[in-house]
N, C-alpha and C. Protein backbone atom coordinates (compact mmCIF):
# COMPACT_ATOMS: atom_id res chain seq x y z
N MET A 1 41.79 31.73 -28.14
CA MET A 1 42.15 32.20 -26.70
C MET A 1 40.29 31.68 -26.20
N MET A 2 40.42 31.02 -24.40
CA MET A 2 39.31 30.45 -23.86
C MET A 2 39.09 31.72 -23.01
N ALA A 3 37.52 31.72 -23.18
CA ALA A 3 37.02 32.96 -22.17
C ALA A 3 37.36 32.47 -20.64
N ASP A 4 38.27 33.70 -19.69
CA ASP A 4 38.20 33.26 -18.10
C ASP A 4 36.56 33.11 -17.76
N ARG A 5 35.91 31.96 -17.80
CA ARG A 5 34.58 31.73 -17.01
C ARG A 5 34.65 31.96 -15.40
N SER A 6 35.77 32.02 -14.70
CA SER A 6 35.80 31.59 -13.13
C SER A 6 35.09 32.68 -12.79
N ALA A 7 34.53 34.12 -13.44
CA ALA A 7 34.19 35.21 -12.51
C ALA A 7 33.24 35.53 -12.43
N SER A 8 32.30 35.21 -13.62
CA SER A 8 30.76 34.90 -13.92
C SER A 8 30.40 33.59 -13.97
N THR A 9 31.17 32.66 -14.13
CA THR A 9 29.85 30.95 -13.82
C THR A 9 30.93 30.63 -12.39
N PRO A 10 29.98 29.99 -12.12
CA PRO A 10 30.89 28.98 -10.82
C PRO A 10 30.82 27.30 -11.03
N MET A 11 32.09 26.97 -10.90
CA MET A 11 31.93 25.36 -11.27
C MET A 11 30.99 24.67 -10.35
N HIS A 12 30.56 23.74 -10.35
CA HIS A 12 29.47 23.00 -9.98
C HIS A 12 29.99 21.36 -10.46
N LEU A 13 30.10 21.12 -8.83
CA LEU A 13 30.28 19.74 -8.74
C LEU A 13 29.46 18.74 -7.90
N THR A 14 29.39 16.95 -8.60
CA THR A 14 28.75 16.01 -8.41
C THR A 14 29.29 15.75 -7.24
N VAL A 15 28.42 15.80 -5.80
CA VAL A 15 28.95 15.40 -4.56
C VAL A 15 27.83 14.12 -3.87
N LEU A 16 28.72 13.56 -2.88
CA LEU A 16 27.75 12.73 -2.46
C LEU A 16 26.63 13.22 -1.62
N LYS A 17 25.18 12.91 -1.81
CA LYS A 17 24.41 14.09 -0.84
C LYS A 17 24.10 13.17 0.34
N ALA A 18 23.71 11.46 -0.18
CA ALA A 18 23.36 10.55 1.02
C ALA A 18 23.56 9.25 0.48
N LYS A 19 23.71 8.25 1.90
CA LYS A 19 23.82 6.97 0.97
C LYS A 19 23.31 6.19 2.38
N LEU A 20 22.51 5.31 1.97
CA LEU A 20 21.87 3.96 3.02
C LEU A 20 23.02 2.86 2.54
N HIS A 21 23.36 2.76 3.47
CA HIS A 21 24.65 1.68 3.34
C HIS A 21 24.74 0.69 3.65
N ARG A 22 24.67 -0.85 2.84
CA ARG A 22 24.30 -2.41 2.97
C ARG A 22 22.93 -2.41 3.39
N ALA A 23 22.05 -1.56 2.87
CA ALA A 23 20.79 -2.50 2.85
C ALA A 23 20.55 -3.88 2.17
N HIS A 24 19.71 -4.71 2.75
CA HIS A 24 19.25 -5.66 2.31
C HIS A 24 18.08 -6.06 1.09
N VAL A 25 18.12 -6.20 -0.35
CA VAL A 25 16.72 -5.87 -0.83
C VAL A 25 16.08 -6.86 -0.32
N THR A 26 14.63 -6.93 -0.31
CA THR A 26 13.33 -7.50 0.47
C THR A 26 12.49 -8.07 -0.66
N GLN A 27 12.74 -6.84 -1.67
CA GLN A 27 12.13 -8.32 -2.80
C GLN A 27 12.44 -7.32 -3.94
N VAL A 28 11.84 -7.86 -5.54
CA VAL A 28 12.25 -7.53 -6.83
C VAL A 28 10.67 -8.27 -7.29
N LEU A 29 10.37 -6.90 -8.08
CA LEU A 29 9.11 -7.29 -8.82
C LEU A 29 9.36 -6.63 -10.18
N PRO A 30 9.72 -7.56 -10.92
CA PRO A 30 9.70 -7.09 -12.62
C PRO A 30 8.70 -6.65 -13.38
N ASP A 31 7.60 -7.17 -12.93
CA ASP A 31 6.72 -6.66 -13.32
C ASP A 31 5.79 -5.27 -13.36
N TYR A 32 6.27 -4.75 -12.38
CA TYR A 32 6.22 -3.42 -11.25
C TYR A 32 6.89 -2.09 -12.24
N GLU A 33 6.39 -0.91 -12.00
CA GLU A 33 6.93 0.30 -12.55
C GLU A 33 8.50 0.29 -12.05
N GLY A 34 9.10 0.37 -12.80
CA GLY A 34 10.59 0.75 -12.59
C GLY A 34 10.89 1.75 -11.35
N SER A 35 11.67 1.54 -10.69
CA SER A 35 12.05 2.81 -9.89
C SER A 35 12.48 1.47 -8.23
N CYS A 36 12.77 1.94 -7.39
CA CYS A 36 13.45 1.48 -6.20
C CYS A 36 12.40 1.98 -4.95
N ALA A 37 11.91 1.21 -4.66
CA ALA A 37 10.58 1.45 -3.31
C ALA A 37 11.33 1.13 -1.69
N ILE A 38 11.53 2.49 -1.05
CA ILE A 38 12.31 2.58 0.48
C ILE A 38 11.63 2.52 1.19
N ASP A 39 11.39 2.03 2.41
CA ASP A 39 10.77 2.46 3.58
C ASP A 39 10.99 3.91 3.79
N ALA A 40 9.64 4.45 4.18
CA ALA A 40 9.51 6.23 4.48
C ALA A 40 10.82 6.20 5.64
N VAL A 41 11.40 5.66 6.38
CA VAL A 41 11.59 6.31 7.28
C VAL A 41 13.34 6.51 7.21
N LEU A 42 13.58 5.00 6.37
CA LEU A 42 15.27 5.20 5.56
C LEU A 42 15.04 6.65 4.59
N LEU A 43 14.30 6.82 3.76
CA LEU A 43 14.31 7.82 3.35
C LEU A 43 14.28 9.44 3.60
N ALA A 44 13.75 9.16 5.02
CA ALA A 44 13.75 10.42 5.26
C ALA A 44 15.15 10.64 6.69
N ARG A 45 15.28 9.77 7.09
CA ARG A 45 16.85 9.75 7.44
C ARG A 45 17.85 10.26 6.74
N ALA A 46 17.71 10.23 5.09
CA ALA A 46 19.03 10.31 4.53
C ALA A 46 18.84 11.21 2.97
N GLY A 47 17.53 11.76 4.02
CA GLY A 47 16.73 12.78 2.92
C GLY A 47 16.70 12.55 1.73
N ILE A 48 16.26 11.70 1.14
CA ILE A 48 16.15 11.13 -0.30
C ILE A 48 14.66 11.15 0.12
N ARG A 49 14.38 12.30 -1.25
CA ARG A 49 13.29 12.16 -2.14
C ARG A 49 12.49 11.67 -3.12
N GLU A 50 11.22 11.42 -2.66
CA GLU A 50 10.16 10.19 -3.60
C GLU A 50 11.13 11.40 -4.74
N PHE A 51 10.62 10.23 -5.59
CA PHE A 51 10.97 10.66 -7.36
C PHE A 51 12.63 10.55 -7.76
N GLU A 52 13.23 11.09 -6.60
CA GLU A 52 14.85 11.16 -6.47
C GLU A 52 15.54 10.49 -7.42
N GLN A 53 16.61 10.41 -8.20
CA GLN A 53 17.73 9.62 -9.20
C GLN A 53 18.33 9.77 -7.57
N VAL A 54 18.41 7.99 -7.50
CA VAL A 54 19.08 7.44 -6.53
C VAL A 54 20.10 6.07 -7.65
N HIS A 55 21.21 5.92 -7.18
CA HIS A 55 21.94 5.13 -7.72
C HIS A 55 22.09 3.81 -6.88
N VAL A 56 21.79 3.10 -7.51
CA VAL A 56 22.33 1.19 -6.68
C VAL A 56 23.53 0.36 -7.14
N TYR A 57 24.60 0.34 -5.99
CA TYR A 57 25.58 -0.34 -6.04
C TYR A 57 25.10 -2.14 -5.54
N ASN A 58 25.27 -2.99 -6.09
CA ASN A 58 24.77 -4.27 -5.79
C ASN A 58 26.35 -4.82 -5.46
N VAL A 59 26.48 -5.07 -3.83
CA VAL A 59 27.41 -5.17 -3.30
C VAL A 59 27.85 -6.82 -3.61
N THR A 60 26.48 -7.46 -3.70
CA THR A 60 26.97 -9.20 -3.64
C THR A 60 27.15 -9.32 -5.05
N ASN A 61 26.26 -8.66 -6.26
CA ASN A 61 27.14 -9.05 -7.63
C ASN A 61 28.29 -7.89 -8.03
N GLY A 62 27.99 -6.72 -8.27
CA GLY A 62 28.91 -6.05 -8.52
C GLY A 62 28.21 -5.28 -9.83
N GLN A 63 26.51 -5.64 -10.15
CA GLN A 63 25.85 -4.84 -11.16
C GLN A 63 25.85 -3.18 -10.11
N ARG A 64 25.44 -2.42 -10.98
CA ARG A 64 25.26 -0.95 -10.30
C ARG A 64 23.90 -0.36 -11.67
N LEU A 65 23.21 0.74 -10.90
CA LEU A 65 22.25 0.91 -11.98
C LEU A 65 21.71 2.35 -11.68
N VAL A 66 21.11 2.62 -12.37
CA VAL A 66 20.84 4.30 -11.98
C VAL A 66 18.88 4.17 -12.14
N THR A 67 17.98 4.78 -10.96
CA THR A 67 16.65 4.26 -11.07
C THR A 67 16.51 6.12 -10.39
N TYR A 68 15.33 5.58 -9.63
CA TYR A 68 14.82 6.94 -8.63
C TYR A 68 13.91 6.19 -7.88
N ALA A 69 14.00 6.63 -6.83
CA ALA A 69 13.17 6.17 -5.26
C ALA A 69 11.65 6.65 -4.94
N ILE A 70 11.12 6.05 -4.62
CA ILE A 70 9.53 5.70 -4.53
C ILE A 70 9.42 5.23 -2.90
N VAL A 71 8.43 5.76 -1.96
CA VAL A 71 8.23 5.46 -0.95
C VAL A 71 7.76 4.46 -0.71
N ALA A 72 8.28 3.31 0.59
CA ALA A 72 7.36 2.45 0.60
C ALA A 72 6.70 2.27 2.32
N PRO A 73 6.31 1.66 2.84
CA PRO A 73 5.65 1.77 4.01
C PRO A 73 6.67 2.11 4.99
N GLU A 74 6.03 3.17 6.01
CA GLU A 74 6.88 3.46 6.98
C GLU A 74 7.29 2.36 8.15
N GLY A 75 8.75 2.01 8.46
CA GLY A 75 8.75 1.03 8.88
C GLY A 75 8.77 -0.16 8.65
N SER A 76 8.42 -0.75 7.49
CA SER A 76 8.45 -1.88 6.63
C SER A 76 10.01 -2.37 6.52
N GLY A 77 10.74 -1.45 6.53
CA GLY A 77 12.51 -2.68 5.97
C GLY A 77 12.02 -2.43 4.27
N THR A 78 11.78 -2.20 3.61
CA THR A 78 11.36 -2.42 2.40
C THR A 78 12.52 -2.08 2.08
N VAL A 79 13.28 -2.52 0.77
CA VAL A 79 14.35 -1.92 -0.33
C VAL A 79 14.03 -3.33 -1.51
N SER A 80 12.83 -2.34 -2.29
CA SER A 80 12.89 -3.20 -3.15
C SER A 80 13.00 -2.71 -5.04
N LEU A 81 13.46 -3.64 -5.85
CA LEU A 81 13.84 -3.30 -7.17
C LEU A 81 12.85 -3.59 -7.80
N ASN A 82 12.59 -2.43 -8.95
CA ASN A 82 11.20 -2.86 -9.60
C ASN A 82 11.34 -2.52 -11.06
N GLY A 83 10.52 -3.41 -11.71
CA GLY A 83 10.95 -3.06 -13.06
C GLY A 83 11.94 -3.80 -14.15
N SER A 84 12.64 -3.20 -14.60
CA SER A 84 14.34 -3.68 -15.24
C SER A 84 15.34 -3.93 -14.21
N ALA A 85 15.21 -2.68 -13.27
CA ALA A 85 16.03 -3.06 -11.73
C ALA A 85 16.31 -4.35 -11.36
N ALA A 86 14.68 -4.79 -11.32
CA ALA A 86 14.41 -6.21 -10.68
C ALA A 86 15.47 -7.17 -11.34
N ARG A 87 15.94 -7.31 -12.22
CA ARG A 87 16.92 -7.62 -13.16
C ARG A 87 18.44 -8.07 -12.55
N ALA A 88 18.89 -6.41 -11.46
CA ALA A 88 20.27 -6.62 -11.46
C ALA A 88 20.02 -7.05 -9.93
N ALA A 89 19.17 -7.76 -9.51
CA ALA A 89 19.30 -7.87 -7.78
C ALA A 89 18.82 -9.15 -7.52
N VAL A 90 18.42 -10.12 -6.51
CA VAL A 90 17.49 -10.63 -6.06
C VAL A 90 17.63 -10.87 -4.10
N VAL A 91 16.57 -11.25 -3.88
CA VAL A 91 15.96 -11.16 -2.73
C VAL A 91 17.35 -11.44 -1.58
N GLY A 92 17.64 -10.68 -1.08
CA GLY A 92 18.77 -10.82 0.57
C GLY A 92 20.44 -10.41 -0.42
N ASP A 93 20.41 -10.29 -1.53
CA ASP A 93 21.21 -9.21 -1.99
C ASP A 93 21.79 -7.92 -1.22
N VAL A 94 22.85 -7.57 -1.31
CA VAL A 94 23.39 -6.45 -0.15
C VAL A 94 23.68 -5.33 -1.23
N VAL A 95 23.09 -3.91 -1.09
CA VAL A 95 23.47 -2.88 -1.91
C VAL A 95 24.06 -1.71 -1.29
N ILE A 96 24.19 -0.89 -1.92
CA ILE A 96 23.82 0.69 -1.41
C ILE A 96 23.43 1.71 -2.35
N VAL A 97 22.32 2.37 -1.93
CA VAL A 97 21.69 2.97 -2.44
C VAL A 97 22.41 4.87 -2.25
N ALA A 98 22.79 5.70 -3.25
CA ALA A 98 23.39 6.79 -3.20
C ALA A 98 22.81 7.89 -4.04
N ALA A 99 22.77 9.09 -3.52
CA ALA A 99 21.75 10.20 -4.49
C ALA A 99 23.24 11.24 -4.29
N TYR A 100 22.97 11.77 -5.23
CA TYR A 100 23.81 12.92 -5.77
C TYR A 100 23.34 14.35 -5.14
N ALA A 101 24.02 15.78 -5.52
CA ALA A 101 24.08 17.10 -5.84
C ALA A 101 24.97 17.05 -6.21
N MET A 102 24.50 18.69 -7.44
CA MET A 102 25.50 19.41 -7.70
C MET A 102 25.21 20.10 -6.77
N LEU A 103 26.75 20.27 -6.15
CA LEU A 103 26.60 21.82 -5.69
C LEU A 103 28.23 22.70 -6.20
N THR A 104 28.13 24.41 -6.11
CA THR A 104 29.25 25.27 -6.49
C THR A 104 30.65 24.67 -5.65
N GLU A 105 31.54 24.91 -5.34
CA GLU A 105 32.61 24.53 -4.64
C GLU A 105 32.69 25.08 -3.58
N GLU A 106 32.21 26.33 -3.80
CA GLU A 106 31.89 27.44 -2.54
C GLU A 106 30.64 26.38 -0.99
N GLU A 107 29.96 25.78 -1.80
CA GLU A 107 28.58 24.89 -0.93
C GLU A 107 29.18 23.36 -1.13
N ALA A 108 30.10 23.40 -1.48
CA ALA A 108 30.88 21.62 -1.50
C ALA A 108 31.95 21.90 0.03
N GLU A 109 32.06 23.28 -0.12
CA GLU A 109 33.30 23.00 1.36
C GLU A 109 32.47 22.46 2.70
N ARG A 110 31.48 23.36 2.63
CA ARG A 110 30.56 22.99 4.00
C ARG A 110 29.53 22.36 4.35
N HIS A 111 29.41 21.32 2.67
CA HIS A 111 28.35 20.53 2.83
C HIS A 111 29.00 18.76 3.56
N HIS A 112 28.05 18.35 4.07
CA HIS A 112 28.46 17.04 4.89
C HIS A 112 27.31 15.97 4.48
N PRO A 113 27.51 15.13 3.65
CA PRO A 113 26.23 13.88 3.35
C PRO A 113 25.96 13.18 4.54
N ARG A 114 24.46 12.76 4.51
CA ARG A 114 24.06 11.89 4.86
C ARG A 114 24.00 10.65 4.98
N LEU A 115 24.65 9.41 6.04
CA LEU A 115 25.06 8.48 5.76
C LEU A 115 24.58 7.87 6.72
N VAL A 116 23.76 6.59 6.22
CA VAL A 116 22.88 6.06 6.78
C VAL A 116 23.33 4.38 7.16
N TYR A 117 23.79 3.47 8.29
CA TYR A 117 23.76 2.34 7.64
C TYR A 117 22.80 1.92 8.91
N LEU A 118 22.88 0.33 8.08
CA LEU A 118 21.95 -0.49 8.11
C LEU A 118 22.24 -1.93 8.08
N ASP A 119 21.33 -2.52 9.19
CA ASP A 119 22.25 -4.33 9.47
C ASP A 119 21.08 -4.63 8.64
N ALA A 120 21.07 -5.95 8.62
CA ALA A 120 20.50 -6.97 8.06
C ALA A 120 19.06 -7.00 7.85
N ALA A 121 18.33 -6.55 8.69
CA ALA A 121 16.61 -6.35 8.60
C ALA A 121 16.62 -4.81 8.00
N ASN A 122 17.06 -3.94 7.44
CA ASN A 122 17.13 -2.94 7.03
C ASN A 122 16.68 -1.97 8.33
N ARG A 123 17.07 -2.08 9.50
CA ARG A 123 17.37 -0.89 10.79
C ARG A 123 18.75 -0.19 10.84
N ILE A 124 17.77 1.06 11.02
CA ILE A 124 19.22 2.17 10.94
C ILE A 124 20.11 1.79 11.89
N VAL A 125 21.29 1.35 12.42
CA VAL A 125 22.09 0.84 13.52
C VAL A 125 22.99 2.26 13.69
N ARG A 126 23.53 2.97 12.48
CA ARG A 126 24.09 4.38 13.35
C ARG A 126 24.09 5.57 12.00
N HIS A 127 24.46 6.34 11.73
CA HIS A 127 24.29 7.88 10.92
C HIS A 127 24.90 8.40 11.33
N ARG A 128 25.45 9.24 9.91
CA ARG A 128 26.55 10.67 10.41
C ARG A 128 25.47 11.27 9.33
N GLY A 129 26.48 12.74 9.42
CA GLY A 129 26.06 13.86 8.70
C GLY A 129 25.08 14.98 9.46
N PRO A 130 24.01 15.51 8.84
CA PRO A 130 23.02 16.56 9.21
C PRO A 130 22.26 15.70 10.38
N ASP A 131 21.57 16.12 11.18
CA ASP A 131 20.23 15.51 11.63
C ASP A 131 18.80 15.80 10.87
N THR A 132 18.27 15.21 10.18
CA THR A 132 16.79 15.02 9.96
C THR A 132 15.71 15.33 10.96
N GLY A 133 15.64 14.47 12.15
CA GLY A 133 15.24 14.74 12.84
C GLY A 133 14.52 14.09 13.13
N ALA A 134 14.36 12.81 11.59
CA ALA A 134 13.41 11.39 11.36
C ALA A 134 13.58 10.28 12.34
């Protein structure tokens, strides 16, 4: 017989925390330390922290990978795939960068992800979700 865990252990769900939608890859650096460098302005607006795990979905070629975010210069428009991640894209590819969070069911009911939509120069054209003040 299975124990009833509902009263003592809340269930956690993995939900979308933030998304940079249709970013354009500006550089690929295979000899650099593995990561995804992203303009500081974009990270702040999305609420993605430096060294936070991110998933990168390459819309252009269908590849998907998991790495971590690092900060690129503010206002640079940089989205750079580095290390082994560089092999998953070429400059100009369109990607979605997503971060996820583990929330209880109760927290998930109130949660709204930060969605940041970009143009071809990686400038913010609109955003939805909690405002970061960025």
